N, C-alpha and C. Protein backbone atom coordinates (compact mmCIF):
# COMPACT_ATOMS: atom_id res chain seq x y z
N MET A 1 33.83 0.01 -104.29
CA MET A 1 33.91 -1.36 -103.83
C MET A 1 34.32 -2.23 -105.00
N ALA A 2 35.23 -3.15 -104.75
CA ALA A 2 35.74 -4.05 -105.80
C ALA A 2 34.69 -5.12 -106.09
N GLU A 3 34.63 -5.47 -107.37
CA GLU A 3 33.69 -6.50 -107.80
C GLU A 3 34.16 -7.88 -107.29
N ARG A 4 33.21 -8.68 -106.86
CA ARG A 4 33.54 -10.03 -106.44
C ARG A 4 33.80 -10.88 -107.67
N THR A 5 34.71 -11.84 -107.50
CA THR A 5 34.96 -12.80 -108.58
C THR A 5 33.97 -13.96 -108.41
N VAL A 6 33.83 -14.72 -109.51
CA VAL A 6 32.97 -15.91 -109.44
C VAL A 6 33.52 -16.87 -108.38
N ARG A 7 34.84 -16.97 -108.28
CA ARG A 7 35.43 -17.86 -107.26
C ARG A 7 34.96 -17.44 -105.85
N GLN A 8 34.88 -16.16 -105.57
CA GLN A 8 34.42 -15.71 -104.27
C GLN A 8 32.95 -16.05 -104.05
N ILE A 9 32.16 -16.00 -105.11
CA ILE A 9 30.74 -16.30 -105.01
C ILE A 9 30.54 -17.79 -104.65
N ILE A 10 31.31 -18.67 -105.29
CA ILE A 10 31.09 -20.11 -105.09
C ILE A 10 31.93 -20.71 -103.98
N GLU A 11 32.69 -19.86 -103.30
CA GLU A 11 33.59 -20.35 -102.23
C GLU A 11 32.81 -21.20 -101.22
N GLY A 12 33.32 -22.39 -100.97
CA GLY A 12 32.69 -23.30 -100.03
C GLY A 12 31.55 -24.10 -100.60
N GLN A 13 31.24 -23.89 -101.85
CA GLN A 13 30.15 -24.59 -102.50
C GLN A 13 30.58 -25.95 -103.01
N ALA A 14 29.78 -26.95 -102.76
CA ALA A 14 30.02 -28.29 -103.35
C ALA A 14 28.95 -28.49 -104.41
N PRO A 15 29.33 -28.52 -105.68
CA PRO A 15 28.29 -28.63 -106.71
C PRO A 15 27.51 -29.94 -106.59
N VAL A 16 26.23 -29.84 -106.80
CA VAL A 16 25.38 -31.04 -106.79
C VAL A 16 25.36 -31.59 -108.21
N THR A 17 25.76 -32.85 -108.32
CA THR A 17 25.87 -33.48 -109.64
C THR A 17 25.10 -34.79 -109.71
N ALA A 18 24.87 -35.21 -110.94
CA ALA A 18 24.23 -36.51 -111.18
C ALA A 18 24.76 -37.04 -112.48
N PRO A 19 24.81 -38.37 -112.63
CA PRO A 19 25.24 -38.94 -113.90
C PRO A 19 24.16 -38.75 -114.97
N ALA A 20 24.55 -38.78 -116.23
CA ALA A 20 23.62 -38.57 -117.35
C ALA A 20 22.49 -39.57 -117.37
N GLY A 21 22.73 -40.79 -116.86
CA GLY A 21 21.69 -41.82 -116.85
C GLY A 21 20.72 -41.72 -115.69
N PHE A 22 20.92 -40.77 -114.82
CA PHE A 22 20.04 -40.56 -113.65
C PHE A 22 18.64 -40.21 -114.17
N MET A 23 17.62 -40.71 -113.52
CA MET A 23 16.26 -40.42 -113.91
C MET A 23 15.83 -39.04 -113.43
N VAL A 24 15.00 -38.39 -114.19
CA VAL A 24 14.52 -37.03 -113.88
C VAL A 24 13.88 -37.00 -112.49
N HIS A 25 13.09 -37.98 -112.17
CA HIS A 25 12.42 -38.01 -110.83
C HIS A 25 13.46 -37.97 -109.73
N ASP A 26 14.52 -38.77 -109.87
CA ASP A 26 15.56 -38.80 -108.84
C ASP A 26 16.32 -37.47 -108.78
N ALA A 27 16.56 -36.87 -109.94
CA ALA A 27 17.23 -35.56 -109.98
C ALA A 27 16.36 -34.50 -109.28
N ALA A 28 15.05 -34.55 -109.54
CA ALA A 28 14.13 -33.58 -108.93
C ALA A 28 14.13 -33.75 -107.41
N GLN A 29 14.20 -34.99 -106.94
CA GLN A 29 14.27 -35.23 -105.50
C GLN A 29 15.55 -34.64 -104.91
N LEU A 30 16.66 -34.84 -105.62
CA LEU A 30 17.93 -34.30 -105.18
C LEU A 30 17.92 -32.79 -105.17
N MET A 31 17.32 -32.18 -106.19
CA MET A 31 17.21 -30.72 -106.23
C MET A 31 16.35 -30.22 -105.08
N LYS A 32 15.27 -30.91 -104.78
CA LYS A 32 14.40 -30.51 -103.68
C LYS A 32 15.15 -30.61 -102.36
N GLN A 33 15.89 -31.72 -102.18
CA GLN A 33 16.65 -31.93 -100.95
C GLN A 33 17.66 -30.81 -100.71
N HIS A 34 18.30 -30.33 -101.77
CA HIS A 34 19.32 -29.30 -101.65
C HIS A 34 18.76 -27.88 -101.87
N ASN A 35 17.46 -27.78 -102.17
CA ASN A 35 16.81 -26.49 -102.43
C ASN A 35 17.55 -25.70 -103.52
N ILE A 36 17.75 -26.38 -104.66
CA ILE A 36 18.44 -25.75 -105.77
C ILE A 36 17.58 -25.86 -107.04
N GLY A 37 17.86 -25.02 -108.01
CA GLY A 37 17.10 -24.99 -109.25
C GLY A 37 17.78 -25.65 -110.41
N ALA A 38 19.00 -26.14 -110.21
CA ALA A 38 19.73 -26.80 -111.31
C ALA A 38 20.70 -27.82 -110.74
N ILE A 39 20.92 -28.82 -111.54
CA ILE A 39 21.89 -29.87 -111.17
C ILE A 39 22.85 -30.06 -112.33
N MET A 40 24.11 -30.23 -112.01
CA MET A 40 25.11 -30.45 -113.05
C MET A 40 25.14 -31.90 -113.44
N VAL A 41 25.15 -32.19 -114.74
CA VAL A 41 25.11 -33.56 -115.23
C VAL A 41 26.50 -33.94 -115.75
N LEU A 42 27.00 -35.06 -115.26
CA LEU A 42 28.33 -35.54 -115.62
C LEU A 42 28.27 -36.80 -116.46
N GLU A 43 29.19 -36.87 -117.41
CA GLU A 43 29.42 -38.10 -118.18
C GLU A 43 30.93 -38.36 -118.11
N ASP A 44 31.30 -39.53 -117.65
CA ASP A 44 32.71 -39.88 -117.47
C ASP A 44 33.44 -38.83 -116.64
N GLY A 45 32.75 -38.33 -115.60
CA GLY A 45 33.36 -37.38 -114.69
C GLY A 45 33.49 -35.97 -115.18
N ARG A 46 33.01 -35.68 -116.40
CA ARG A 46 33.12 -34.37 -117.01
C ARG A 46 31.72 -33.77 -117.15
N LEU A 47 31.65 -32.45 -117.04
CA LEU A 47 30.41 -31.75 -117.22
C LEU A 47 29.90 -31.96 -118.66
N SER A 48 28.69 -32.46 -118.80
CA SER A 48 28.12 -32.63 -120.14
C SER A 48 26.81 -31.87 -120.30
N GLY A 49 26.23 -31.43 -119.20
CA GLY A 49 24.99 -30.69 -119.29
C GLY A 49 24.50 -30.16 -117.97
N VAL A 50 23.43 -29.45 -118.06
CA VAL A 50 22.77 -28.89 -116.87
C VAL A 50 21.30 -29.26 -116.99
N PHE A 51 20.72 -29.72 -115.89
CA PHE A 51 19.29 -29.98 -115.83
C PHE A 51 18.71 -28.98 -114.87
N THR A 52 17.75 -28.19 -115.35
CA THR A 52 17.15 -27.15 -114.52
C THR A 52 15.68 -27.42 -114.27
N GLU A 53 15.12 -26.70 -113.34
CA GLU A 53 13.70 -26.84 -113.10
C GLU A 53 12.90 -26.49 -114.34
N ARG A 54 13.39 -25.58 -115.12
CA ARG A 54 12.72 -25.21 -116.40
C ARG A 54 12.74 -26.40 -117.38
N ASP A 55 13.88 -27.12 -117.44
CA ASP A 55 13.94 -28.32 -118.28
C ASP A 55 12.90 -29.34 -117.84
N GLY A 56 12.77 -29.49 -116.52
CA GLY A 56 11.78 -30.42 -115.99
C GLY A 56 10.36 -30.05 -116.38
N LEU A 57 10.08 -28.77 -116.33
CA LEU A 57 8.76 -28.31 -116.67
C LEU A 57 8.47 -28.40 -118.15
N PHE A 58 9.38 -27.86 -118.98
CA PHE A 58 9.12 -27.75 -120.44
C PHE A 58 9.41 -29.05 -121.18
N ARG A 59 10.51 -29.73 -120.84
CA ARG A 59 10.96 -30.88 -121.61
C ARG A 59 10.43 -32.21 -121.08
N VAL A 60 9.94 -32.20 -119.86
CA VAL A 60 9.41 -33.43 -119.28
C VAL A 60 7.91 -33.30 -119.09
N LEU A 61 7.49 -32.48 -118.16
CA LEU A 61 6.06 -32.36 -117.85
C LEU A 61 5.23 -31.91 -119.04
N ALA A 62 5.63 -30.82 -119.70
CA ALA A 62 4.83 -30.28 -120.82
C ALA A 62 4.82 -31.24 -122.01
N ASP A 63 5.87 -32.04 -122.16
CA ASP A 63 5.93 -33.00 -123.26
C ASP A 63 5.32 -34.36 -122.91
N GLY A 64 4.79 -34.50 -121.70
CA GLY A 64 4.11 -35.71 -121.30
C GLY A 64 5.06 -36.89 -121.06
N ARG A 65 6.31 -36.61 -120.74
CA ARG A 65 7.27 -37.70 -120.46
C ARG A 65 7.09 -38.19 -119.04
N ASP A 66 7.50 -39.41 -118.79
CA ASP A 66 7.47 -39.99 -117.46
C ASP A 66 8.81 -39.69 -116.76
N ALA A 67 8.74 -38.94 -115.71
CA ALA A 67 9.93 -38.55 -114.97
C ALA A 67 10.68 -39.72 -114.37
N ARG A 68 9.97 -40.82 -114.15
CA ARG A 68 10.61 -42.01 -113.55
C ARG A 68 11.38 -42.83 -114.57
N THR A 69 11.09 -42.62 -115.87
CA THR A 69 11.78 -43.41 -116.91
C THR A 69 12.55 -42.56 -117.90
N THR A 70 12.57 -41.26 -117.69
CA THR A 70 13.30 -40.34 -118.56
C THR A 70 14.64 -39.99 -117.93
N ALA A 71 15.70 -40.29 -118.66
CA ALA A 71 17.06 -39.97 -118.17
C ALA A 71 17.39 -38.52 -118.39
N LEU A 72 18.24 -37.98 -117.53
CA LEU A 72 18.66 -36.59 -117.67
C LEU A 72 19.27 -36.34 -119.06
N SER A 73 20.00 -37.31 -119.58
CA SER A 73 20.65 -37.12 -120.89
C SER A 73 19.67 -36.82 -122.01
N GLU A 74 18.42 -37.20 -121.82
CA GLU A 74 17.39 -36.99 -122.84
C GLU A 74 16.82 -35.56 -122.80
N VAL A 75 16.91 -34.90 -121.66
CA VAL A 75 16.21 -33.63 -121.51
C VAL A 75 17.07 -32.49 -120.94
N MET A 76 18.32 -32.77 -120.67
CA MET A 76 19.21 -31.72 -120.11
C MET A 76 19.60 -30.73 -121.21
N THR A 77 20.13 -29.62 -120.80
CA THR A 77 20.73 -28.66 -121.70
C THR A 77 22.18 -29.09 -121.89
N ARG A 78 22.50 -29.56 -123.09
CA ARG A 78 23.85 -30.06 -123.37
C ARG A 78 24.83 -28.93 -123.63
N ASN A 79 26.10 -29.21 -123.29
CA ASN A 79 27.18 -28.28 -123.54
C ASN A 79 26.82 -26.84 -123.12
N PRO A 80 26.54 -26.66 -121.86
CA PRO A 80 26.16 -25.32 -121.41
C PRO A 80 27.35 -24.36 -121.46
N ARG A 81 27.02 -23.09 -121.56
CA ARG A 81 28.07 -22.07 -121.45
C ARG A 81 28.67 -22.19 -120.07
N ILE A 82 29.94 -21.96 -119.96
CA ILE A 82 30.65 -22.06 -118.69
C ILE A 82 31.36 -20.73 -118.42
N ILE A 83 31.81 -20.59 -117.20
CA ILE A 83 32.56 -19.38 -116.83
C ILE A 83 33.74 -19.77 -115.98
N SER A 84 34.79 -19.00 -116.08
CA SER A 84 36.02 -19.19 -115.30
C SER A 84 35.78 -18.64 -113.90
N PRO A 85 36.40 -19.25 -112.88
CA PRO A 85 36.25 -18.73 -111.53
C PRO A 85 36.90 -17.36 -111.34
N GLU A 86 37.77 -16.96 -112.25
CA GLU A 86 38.44 -15.68 -112.11
C GLU A 86 37.64 -14.54 -112.75
N ALA A 87 36.59 -14.86 -113.46
CA ALA A 87 35.73 -13.82 -114.08
C ALA A 87 35.01 -13.04 -112.99
N GLY A 88 34.70 -11.80 -113.33
CA GLY A 88 33.90 -11.00 -112.41
C GLY A 88 32.46 -11.45 -112.40
N PHE A 89 31.81 -11.25 -111.28
CA PHE A 89 30.42 -11.71 -111.17
C PHE A 89 29.49 -10.96 -112.13
N THR A 90 29.79 -9.70 -112.40
CA THR A 90 28.95 -8.97 -113.35
C THR A 90 29.05 -9.59 -114.75
N THR A 91 30.19 -10.19 -115.07
CA THR A 91 30.33 -10.90 -116.36
C THR A 91 29.37 -12.07 -116.38
N ALA A 92 29.26 -12.80 -115.27
CA ALA A 92 28.32 -13.91 -115.19
C ALA A 92 26.88 -13.41 -115.35
N LEU A 93 26.56 -12.32 -114.69
CA LEU A 93 25.21 -11.75 -114.80
C LEU A 93 24.91 -11.35 -116.26
N GLN A 94 25.90 -10.77 -116.91
CA GLN A 94 25.72 -10.35 -118.29
C GLN A 94 25.48 -11.56 -119.20
N MET A 95 26.25 -12.64 -118.97
CA MET A 95 26.08 -13.86 -119.75
C MET A 95 24.68 -14.43 -119.55
N MET A 96 24.21 -14.44 -118.31
CA MET A 96 22.87 -14.96 -118.05
C MET A 96 21.79 -14.10 -118.70
N HIS A 97 21.97 -12.80 -118.63
CA HIS A 97 21.01 -11.87 -119.22
C HIS A 97 20.96 -12.06 -120.73
N GLU A 98 22.11 -12.09 -121.37
CA GLU A 98 22.18 -12.22 -122.81
C GLU A 98 21.71 -13.58 -123.31
N GLY A 99 22.04 -14.64 -122.53
CA GLY A 99 21.69 -16.00 -122.95
C GLY A 99 20.29 -16.45 -122.54
N GLY A 100 19.66 -15.69 -121.67
CA GLY A 100 18.31 -16.04 -121.23
C GLY A 100 18.26 -17.25 -120.33
N PHE A 101 19.32 -17.43 -119.55
CA PHE A 101 19.36 -18.56 -118.60
C PHE A 101 19.73 -18.04 -117.21
N ARG A 102 19.60 -18.89 -116.20
CA ARG A 102 19.78 -18.42 -114.82
C ARG A 102 20.89 -19.13 -114.06
N HIS A 103 21.61 -20.05 -114.71
CA HIS A 103 22.69 -20.79 -114.06
C HIS A 103 23.85 -20.94 -115.01
N ILE A 104 25.07 -20.79 -114.46
CA ILE A 104 26.26 -21.00 -115.27
C ILE A 104 27.25 -21.86 -114.47
N PRO A 105 27.66 -23.00 -115.04
CA PRO A 105 28.65 -23.83 -114.36
C PRO A 105 30.02 -23.10 -114.34
N VAL A 106 30.73 -23.27 -113.24
CA VAL A 106 32.04 -22.69 -113.10
C VAL A 106 33.04 -23.83 -113.28
N VAL A 107 33.90 -23.65 -114.29
CA VAL A 107 34.85 -24.73 -114.67
C VAL A 107 36.25 -24.14 -114.74
N GLU A 108 37.21 -24.91 -114.22
CA GLU A 108 38.61 -24.54 -114.27
C GLU A 108 39.41 -25.77 -114.61
N ASP A 109 40.22 -25.65 -115.67
CA ASP A 109 41.04 -26.77 -116.16
C ASP A 109 40.20 -28.05 -116.34
N GLY A 110 39.00 -27.88 -116.89
CA GLY A 110 38.13 -29.02 -117.16
C GLY A 110 37.40 -29.57 -115.96
N GLN A 111 37.61 -29.00 -114.79
CA GLN A 111 36.99 -29.49 -113.56
C GLN A 111 35.84 -28.57 -113.14
N LEU A 112 34.70 -29.17 -112.82
CA LEU A 112 33.55 -28.42 -112.33
C LEU A 112 33.82 -27.99 -110.90
N LEU A 113 33.76 -26.69 -110.65
CA LEU A 113 33.99 -26.17 -109.30
C LEU A 113 32.69 -25.79 -108.59
N GLY A 114 31.69 -25.41 -109.35
CA GLY A 114 30.46 -24.96 -108.77
C GLY A 114 29.55 -24.39 -109.82
N ILE A 115 28.57 -23.62 -109.37
CA ILE A 115 27.62 -22.99 -110.27
C ILE A 115 27.22 -21.64 -109.70
N VAL A 116 27.11 -20.66 -110.58
CA VAL A 116 26.60 -19.36 -110.17
C VAL A 116 25.17 -19.24 -110.73
N SER A 117 24.35 -18.53 -110.02
CA SER A 117 22.97 -18.35 -110.49
C SER A 117 22.52 -16.93 -110.19
N VAL A 118 21.40 -16.57 -110.77
CA VAL A 118 20.86 -15.23 -110.53
C VAL A 118 20.56 -15.04 -109.04
N ARG A 119 20.32 -16.11 -108.34
CA ARG A 119 20.07 -16.01 -106.88
C ARG A 119 21.27 -15.39 -106.18
N ASP A 120 22.45 -15.62 -106.73
CA ASP A 120 23.67 -15.07 -106.14
C ASP A 120 23.75 -13.55 -106.31
N ALA A 121 22.86 -12.98 -107.11
CA ALA A 121 22.91 -11.55 -107.39
C ALA A 121 22.27 -10.71 -106.29
N LEU A 122 21.98 -11.32 -105.18
CA LEU A 122 21.37 -10.56 -104.11
C LEU A 122 22.47 -9.89 -103.29
N GLY A 123 23.30 -9.15 -103.99
CA GLY A 123 24.41 -8.46 -103.37
C GLY A 123 24.67 -7.16 -104.10
N PRO A 124 25.84 -6.60 -103.90
CA PRO A 124 26.15 -5.29 -104.49
C PRO A 124 26.18 -5.30 -106.03
N GLU A 125 26.42 -6.44 -106.64
CA GLU A 125 26.47 -6.48 -108.10
C GLU A 125 25.11 -6.20 -108.72
N LEU A 126 24.04 -6.55 -108.01
CA LEU A 126 22.71 -6.32 -108.58
C LEU A 126 22.48 -4.85 -108.88
N GLU A 127 22.82 -4.00 -107.94
CA GLU A 127 22.63 -2.58 -108.16
C GLU A 127 23.48 -2.10 -109.32
N ALA A 128 24.72 -2.51 -109.39
CA ALA A 128 25.61 -2.10 -110.50
C ALA A 128 25.10 -2.64 -111.82
N PHE A 129 24.60 -3.87 -111.83
CA PHE A 129 24.11 -4.49 -113.08
C PHE A 129 22.89 -3.77 -113.57
N VAL A 130 21.92 -3.50 -112.69
CA VAL A 130 20.71 -2.80 -113.07
C VAL A 130 21.06 -1.40 -113.61
N TYR A 131 21.98 -0.73 -112.96
CA TYR A 131 22.41 0.59 -113.43
C TYR A 131 23.00 0.50 -114.83
N GLU A 132 23.85 -0.49 -115.07
CA GLU A 132 24.48 -0.66 -116.39
C GLU A 132 23.44 -0.98 -117.47
N MET A 133 22.46 -1.81 -117.16
CA MET A 133 21.42 -2.16 -118.14
C MET A 133 20.60 -0.91 -118.49
N LEU A 134 20.27 -0.11 -117.48
CA LEU A 134 19.54 1.13 -117.75
C LEU A 134 20.36 2.10 -118.57
N ARG A 135 21.62 2.17 -118.29
CA ARG A 135 22.53 3.05 -119.03
C ARG A 135 22.59 2.63 -120.49
N GLN A 136 22.71 1.32 -120.76
CA GLN A 136 22.75 0.81 -122.12
C GLN A 136 21.47 1.08 -122.86
N GLU A 137 20.34 0.93 -122.18
CA GLU A 137 19.04 1.22 -122.81
C GLU A 137 18.94 2.70 -123.18
N GLN A 138 19.43 3.57 -122.31
CA GLN A 138 19.39 5.01 -122.59
C GLN A 138 20.27 5.36 -123.78
N ILE A 139 21.42 4.76 -123.86
CA ILE A 139 22.34 4.99 -125.00
C ILE A 139 21.68 4.56 -126.29
N GLN A 140 21.05 3.40 -126.27
CA GLN A 140 20.36 2.90 -127.49
C GLN A 140 19.21 3.83 -127.89
N GLU A 141 18.49 4.38 -126.92
CA GLU A 141 17.40 5.32 -127.25
C GLU A 141 17.94 6.59 -127.87
N VAL A 142 19.06 7.08 -127.36
CA VAL A 142 19.66 8.30 -127.89
C VAL A 142 20.15 8.05 -129.33
N LEU A 143 20.72 6.88 -129.55
CA LEU A 143 21.26 6.58 -130.89
C LEU A 143 20.18 6.20 -131.91
N ALA A 144 19.00 5.86 -131.44
CA ALA A 144 17.94 5.42 -132.35
C ALA A 144 17.31 6.55 -133.10
């Protein structure tokens, strides 16, 4: 079976975005409304960051910030890694695994097209990815 591309994964997706000056509380409401774990943050129409549920927990709640007066620009992950829509989905999974994050914005010619997440791995790539990770671990054990 051929690997799906990132473009195929995000097909029909409209990325949920917010301006950098948006308050965390409002972003959380938007994320709840759309049942998503991350929102793309735009400055001057360009992707400048990602705000995730983890950012809300660690950078807002745990730090004692007020979600109603804290702007996304203060707590978002700036300059996130991005992926091309033509990349294979297993490449996205590998990036997420290596980087320790769960969402990657999909950008083409400077335009935000969507976002891929580990949630999207509930398909054939998951089995192939797990197999590859186990294979790499076994190789490292043999070489050690």
